Each structure stands twice: as structure tokens, then as C-alpha cells.
Amino acid sequence: QDIAADVRSNEKDIKGDTRIGCIGTTGRWLMPRLLPVVANKFPKIHVTILEGSTSSLLPRLLDGSIDACIVHLPVEDENLTSHSLFAEDLMLLVDNKHDWAKLDKITIAELATKPLLMPPKNTALRKILDRAAGSQRLVFKPQAEIDGVRLLTSLAFEGFGAAVVPATAAPGWIKGEFKRVEIPELPRRVVGLVQRARPLPSKATTAIATLVREVVTKYGAKQPGIHIGKEAFPLNRKP
């Protein structure tokens, strides 16, 4: 169906279906801005958005269940291609009753002194945390391993433990009995658009992928904790 739609369409009249996966923290701010643009520029493209974690979306991309996905990079698979969209600050989220709630900033050495709610091993976010600790010959102690940033964040909100999460997981408009604490030594996470190397994407998928990059460029820097453009890389922040 996608091939047939490509043959019949031109650049001004692209039609077809495309399925885009997206991690929840990015989808929360990106989709309300992307979907109206899609409806305006490409009214004949039908877009289905599927939310999931990076570890759940990549297998679906590989087996063809979705056509592209917006996930936490890096993606190490020769069958996939990726394009970095933005870099995002990581922060500590704790309940107001936690000992760390009195802090505005925290070091990696301090983080290693108490158990943390953490992503599972070999996930992109866990690799950032383990490498940061390892660079100082430290090891973070998992209180529990949670696959899914939104669930990880919810547990921290509810006071089940401290968690390191992306800035967009706890935007400023969310209020509650919790504290956001900066971690200047941590590198930013990178979020990117990933597609299969073969077969080539349909015109509908290519059009939406282009719009994703345009919308991120226009609105990304307006989101607290998100950095776009050349200044976002390299990803290490100065303490």
C-alpha cells in the first residue's frame, strides 16, 4: 500500500499511512505541536502515534510494526539509521521528605551513597548513569530497576525512591511534594529519530520525519532542559 501510494503521489500531494513510535517524555511536548502541522501540510497522510520505551519501540521498528521512532540514542544496530534531534538535561527527582530534597545540586559521589530507582541494565539511560559513576570508580546501587521513564518518574513522585530522569519527565507545570535537583556532572541524554536502513521509507514516512526535525528545531529550545543545534554537542555540561 505504501509503495502504491508513493507511485501515485508527488511532493505536493503526498498520501499514505505511517506509524511513528515515540517515548512518552518527548511525545508529551512534541506531538501537540507536530500533529497540527501534519494536518495542515499533509492532510492526506494518516499518522498513527505509538507511545513506548526505547527498549520496546526498537524491536517494533525492526520487525516493521512501526515505520520510524523517536527514542533515546545511541542505537547500535547496523540495520537502523538515526538522526540526533536534541540533547536533554538529566536531573534527580526526590520526594520532599528525602534527605536530598534540601539540595539544589548534587554530585555523582553523593548519588552513589544511597540506593536509586534505576532503568534496567543495558538501556541507554542506564548506560549514561553507569559510565558516569564508573568514571569516578563508583557504582550506583539500584533500589529497583524500572523500564519506562514515565513509570520511573511516577514512582519518584510518589516517594518510593530517588530517580535520575530527563528534564521533560517532570516539567515545571507539574507541581507536587517533590524536588528537582541538578546533577551538573552528568552528560545530557540524546533523543533522535530512528528508521530502518532497508527498505527505504515511504514518502509519507519521509515527509513526517522531515516535519519532526522542523518542529523540534522551532520549539525544542523552548522546553526547559532541552538543547538543540551545535551548542548542544558535545553533551558534557560544565559544573
Protein backbone atom coordinates (compact mmCIF):
# COMPACT_ATOMS: atom_id res chain seq x y z
CA GLN A 1 0.00 0.00 0.00
CA ASP A 2 2.83 2.40 0.84
CA ILE A 3 4.58 1.66 -2.49
CA ALA A 4 1.35 2.20 -4.41
CA ALA A 5 0.77 5.50 -2.62
CA ASP A 6 4.31 6.61 -3.46
CA VAL A 7 3.83 5.89 -7.15
CA ARG A 8 0.61 7.93 -7.28
CA SER A 9 1.84 10.88 -5.22
CA ASN A 10 4.09 13.85 -5.85
CA GLU A 11 5.83 16.18 -3.42
CA LYS A 12 2.77 18.46 -3.17
CA ASP A 13 0.22 15.69 -2.83
CA ILE A 14 1.75 13.01 -0.60
CA LYS A 15 -0.67 10.45 0.77
CA GLY A 16 -0.44 7.20 2.70
CA ASP A 17 -0.17 5.78 6.19
CA THR A 18 2.78 5.98 8.57
CA ARG A 19 3.29 4.69 12.10
CA ILE A 20 5.61 6.65 14.37
CA GLY A 21 6.76 5.44 17.78
CA CYS A 22 7.74 7.95 20.44
CA ILE A 23 8.99 7.86 24.01
CA GLY A 24 6.44 9.41 26.34
CA THR A 25 8.56 12.24 27.74
CA THR A 26 9.18 13.63 24.25
CA GLY A 27 5.70 12.89 22.94
CA ARG A 28 4.16 14.97 25.72
CA TRP A 29 5.50 18.24 24.29
CA LEU A 30 6.28 17.31 20.67
CA MET A 31 3.01 15.76 19.47
CA PRO A 32 0.73 18.73 20.32
CA ARG A 33 2.97 20.83 18.06
CA LEU A 34 3.65 18.25 15.35
CA LEU A 35 0.18 16.89 14.61
CA PRO A 36 -1.47 20.24 13.68
CA VAL A 37 1.40 20.90 11.25
CA VAL A 38 0.93 17.45 9.71
CA ALA A 39 -2.81 18.07 9.28
CA ASN A 40 -2.11 21.41 7.61
CA LYS A 41 0.75 20.45 5.30
CA PHE A 42 -0.08 16.82 4.55
CA PRO A 43 -3.84 16.30 5.06
CA LYS A 44 -3.75 13.06 3.04
CA ILE A 45 -1.19 11.40 5.32
CA HIS A 46 -2.67 9.30 8.09
CA VAL A 47 -0.31 9.21 11.09
CA THR A 48 -0.55 6.72 13.93
CA ILE A 49 1.47 7.56 17.06
CA LEU A 50 2.54 4.75 19.37
CA GLU A 51 3.99 5.51 22.79
CA GLY A 52 6.60 3.25 24.36
CA SER A 53 10.04 2.99 25.90
CA THR A 54 13.15 2.88 23.74
CA SER A 55 13.60 -0.82 24.53
CA SER A 56 10.04 -1.62 23.45
CA LEU A 57 9.94 0.55 20.31
CA LEU A 58 13.16 -0.57 18.61
CA PRO A 59 12.08 -4.23 18.17
CA ARG A 60 8.82 -2.99 16.63
CA LEU A 61 10.80 -0.83 14.22
CA LEU A 62 12.99 -3.76 13.22
CA ASP A 63 10.04 -6.08 12.56
CA GLY A 64 8.17 -3.44 10.55
CA SER A 65 5.35 -2.83 13.04
CA ILE A 66 6.26 0.88 13.01
CA ASP A 67 7.98 2.96 10.33
CA ALA A 68 10.13 5.26 12.47
CA CYS A 69 10.58 6.08 16.14
CA ILE A 70 11.80 8.88 18.38
CA VAL A 71 13.93 7.31 21.09
CA HIS A 72 16.92 7.70 23.39
CA LEU A 73 20.19 7.33 21.45
CA PRO A 74 22.59 5.73 20.75
CA VAL A 75 21.07 2.88 18.80
CA GLU A 76 23.64 0.23 18.00
CA ASP A 77 22.18 -1.80 15.14
CA GLU A 78 23.53 -1.85 11.59
CA ASN A 79 20.00 -2.29 10.26
CA LEU A 80 18.91 1.08 11.66
CA THR A 81 19.86 4.67 10.92
CA SER A 82 19.50 7.53 13.41
CA HIS A 83 19.43 11.33 13.35
CA SER A 84 20.01 13.27 16.58
CA LEU A 85 17.19 15.71 17.35
CA PHE A 86 18.17 17.29 20.68
CA ALA A 87 20.09 16.83 23.91
CA GLU A 88 18.32 16.89 27.27
CA ASP A 89 19.48 17.55 30.80
CA LEU A 90 19.17 14.80 33.39
CA MET A 91 18.11 15.64 36.94
CA LEU A 92 17.43 13.98 40.26
CA LEU A 93 13.81 13.70 41.36
CA VAL A 94 13.10 13.11 45.05
CA ASP A 95 10.19 13.29 47.46
CA ASN A 96 10.23 16.32 49.77
CA LYS A 97 10.88 14.03 52.76
CA HIS A 98 14.04 12.59 51.23
CA ASP A 99 17.41 13.70 52.65
CA TRP A 100 18.42 15.06 49.25
CA ALA A 101 15.37 17.33 48.99
CA LYS A 102 17.27 20.10 50.78
CA LEU A 103 19.83 20.23 47.95
CA ASP A 104 19.74 22.29 44.75
CA LYS A 105 22.67 20.41 43.19
CA ILE A 106 24.21 17.00 43.83
CA THR A 107 27.44 15.27 42.82
CA ILE A 108 27.86 11.79 41.40
CA ALA A 109 29.77 10.82 44.54
CA GLU A 110 26.78 11.82 46.68
CA LEU A 111 24.38 9.93 44.39
CA ALA A 112 26.40 6.77 44.95
CA THR A 113 25.80 6.87 48.71
CA LYS A 114 22.10 5.86 48.57
CA PRO A 115 20.04 3.40 46.52
CA LEU A 116 18.32 4.77 43.41
CA LEU A 117 15.34 3.79 41.29
CA MET A 118 17.13 3.00 38.02
CA PRO A 119 16.46 1.85 34.46
CA PRO A 120 17.40 -1.77 33.65
CA LYS A 121 20.97 -2.62 32.65
CA ASN A 122 21.93 -2.03 29.00
CA THR A 123 19.25 0.61 28.43
CA ALA A 124 20.53 3.93 27.08
CA LEU A 125 19.79 5.90 30.25
CA ARG A 126 21.34 3.23 32.49
CA LYS A 127 24.49 3.29 30.38
CA ILE A 128 24.83 7.04 30.94
CA LEU A 129 24.48 6.58 34.69
CA ASP A 130 26.83 3.59 34.96
CA ARG A 131 29.51 5.26 32.84
CA ALA A 132 29.30 8.47 34.84
CA ALA A 133 29.72 6.54 38.08
CA GLY A 134 32.43 4.32 36.62
CA SER A 135 34.46 7.35 35.53
CA GLN A 136 34.87 8.12 39.25
CA ARG A 137 35.32 4.46 40.20
CA LEU A 138 31.90 4.40 41.81
CA VAL A 139 28.84 2.17 41.41
CA PHE A 140 25.23 3.25 41.77
CA LYS A 141 23.08 0.98 43.95
CA PRO A 142 19.70 0.09 42.40
CA GLN A 143 16.78 0.17 44.80
CA ALA A 144 14.70 -1.25 41.93
CA GLU A 145 15.02 -1.41 38.14
CA ILE A 146 12.16 0.16 36.17
CA ASP A 147 11.86 0.00 32.36
CA GLY A 148 9.99 3.15 31.38
CA VAL A 149 10.89 6.73 32.23
CA ARG A 150 7.31 7.79 32.93
CA LEU A 151 6.80 4.97 35.43
CA LEU A 152 10.21 5.68 36.95
CA THR A 153 9.18 9.31 37.34
CA SER A 154 5.79 8.44 38.83
CA LEU A 155 7.40 6.26 41.48
CA ALA A 156 9.76 9.09 42.42
CA PHE A 157 6.78 11.49 42.57
CA GLU A 158 5.03 9.12 44.97
CA GLY A 159 8.03 8.90 47.27
CA PHE A 160 9.10 5.32 46.55
CA GLY A 161 12.69 6.42 45.97
CA ALA A 162 15.06 8.84 44.25
CA ALA A 163 15.42 8.64 40.47
CA VAL A 164 17.51 10.30 37.77
CA VAL A 165 15.16 11.33 34.96
CA PRO A 166 15.18 13.60 31.88
CA ALA A 167 14.07 17.19 32.41
CA THR A 168 10.91 16.72 30.33
CA ALA A 169 9.78 13.88 32.59
CA ALA A 170 8.99 16.47 35.28
CA PRO A 171 8.23 19.77 33.51
CA GLY A 172 7.79 22.91 35.56
CA TRP A 173 4.00 22.96 35.28
CA ILE A 174 3.79 19.72 37.31
CA LYS A 175 3.54 20.62 40.99
CA GLY A 176 3.68 18.32 44.00
CA GLU A 177 5.52 17.18 47.09
CA PHE A 178 8.83 16.60 45.31
CA LYS A 179 12.10 18.37 44.49
CA ARG A 180 14.12 18.65 41.27
CA VAL A 181 17.87 18.57 41.93
CA GLU A 182 20.53 19.42 39.33
CA ILE A 183 23.35 16.95 38.57
CA PRO A 184 25.98 19.12 36.82
CA GLU A 185 28.44 16.24 36.30
CA LEU A 186 26.06 14.10 34.26
CA PRO A 187 26.12 14.35 30.45
CA ARG A 188 22.86 15.08 28.67
CA ARG A 189 20.87 12.32 27.06
CA VAL A 190 20.36 12.43 23.28
CA VAL A 191 16.99 11.87 21.66
CA GLY A 192 16.83 11.07 17.96
CA LEU A 193 14.74 9.84 15.07
CA VAL A 194 15.45 6.24 14.05
CA GLN A 195 14.44 4.42 10.86
CA ARG A 196 15.28 1.15 9.12
CA ALA A 197 18.14 1.29 6.65
CA ARG A 198 16.23 -1.04 4.29
CA PRO A 199 13.72 -0.89 2.79
CA LEU A 200 13.70 2.83 2.14
CA PRO A 201 10.90 4.67 3.94
CA SER A 202 7.73 5.64 2.11
CA LYS A 203 7.17 9.23 1.04
CA ALA A 204 4.65 9.60 3.85
CA THR A 205 7.19 8.50 6.46
CA THR A 206 9.89 10.69 4.95
CA ALA A 207 7.59 13.71 4.98
CA ILE A 208 6.68 13.22 8.64
CA ALA A 209 10.33 12.64 9.60
CA THR A 210 11.21 15.96 7.95
CA LEU A 211 8.43 17.72 9.87
CA VAL A 212 9.63 16.19 13.14
CA ARG A 213 13.04 17.77 12.63
CA GLU A 214 11.50 21.12 11.68
CA VAL A 215 9.18 21.20 14.71
CA VAL A 216 11.99 20.23 17.09
CA THR A 217 14.17 22.99 15.63
CA LYS A 218 11.37 25.55 16.09
CA TYR A 219 10.07 24.56 19.52
CA GLY A 220 12.71 22.36 21.19
CA ALA A 221 14.78 25.09 22.80
CA LYS A 222 11.62 26.50 24.40
CA GLN A 223 11.31 23.35 26.52
CA PRO A 224 13.23 23.65 29.83
CA GLY A 225 16.24 21.35 29.85
CA ILE A 226 16.31 20.74 26.09
CA HIS A 227 19.19 21.90 23.91
CA ILE A 228 19.31 21.95 20.11
CA GLY A 229 21.84 22.99 17.49
CA LYS A 230 25.61 22.84 17.56
CA GLU A 231 25.82 24.23 21.09
CA ALA A 232 24.06 21.11 22.40
CA PHE A 233 27.06 18.94 21.50
CA PRO A 234 29.38 17.72 22.92
CA LEU A 235 27.00 16.69 25.61
CA ASN A 236 29.01 17.30 28.75
CA ARG A 237 27.86 20.29 30.76
CA LYS A 238 30.19 22.42 32.78
CA PRO A 239 29.55 22.04 36.53
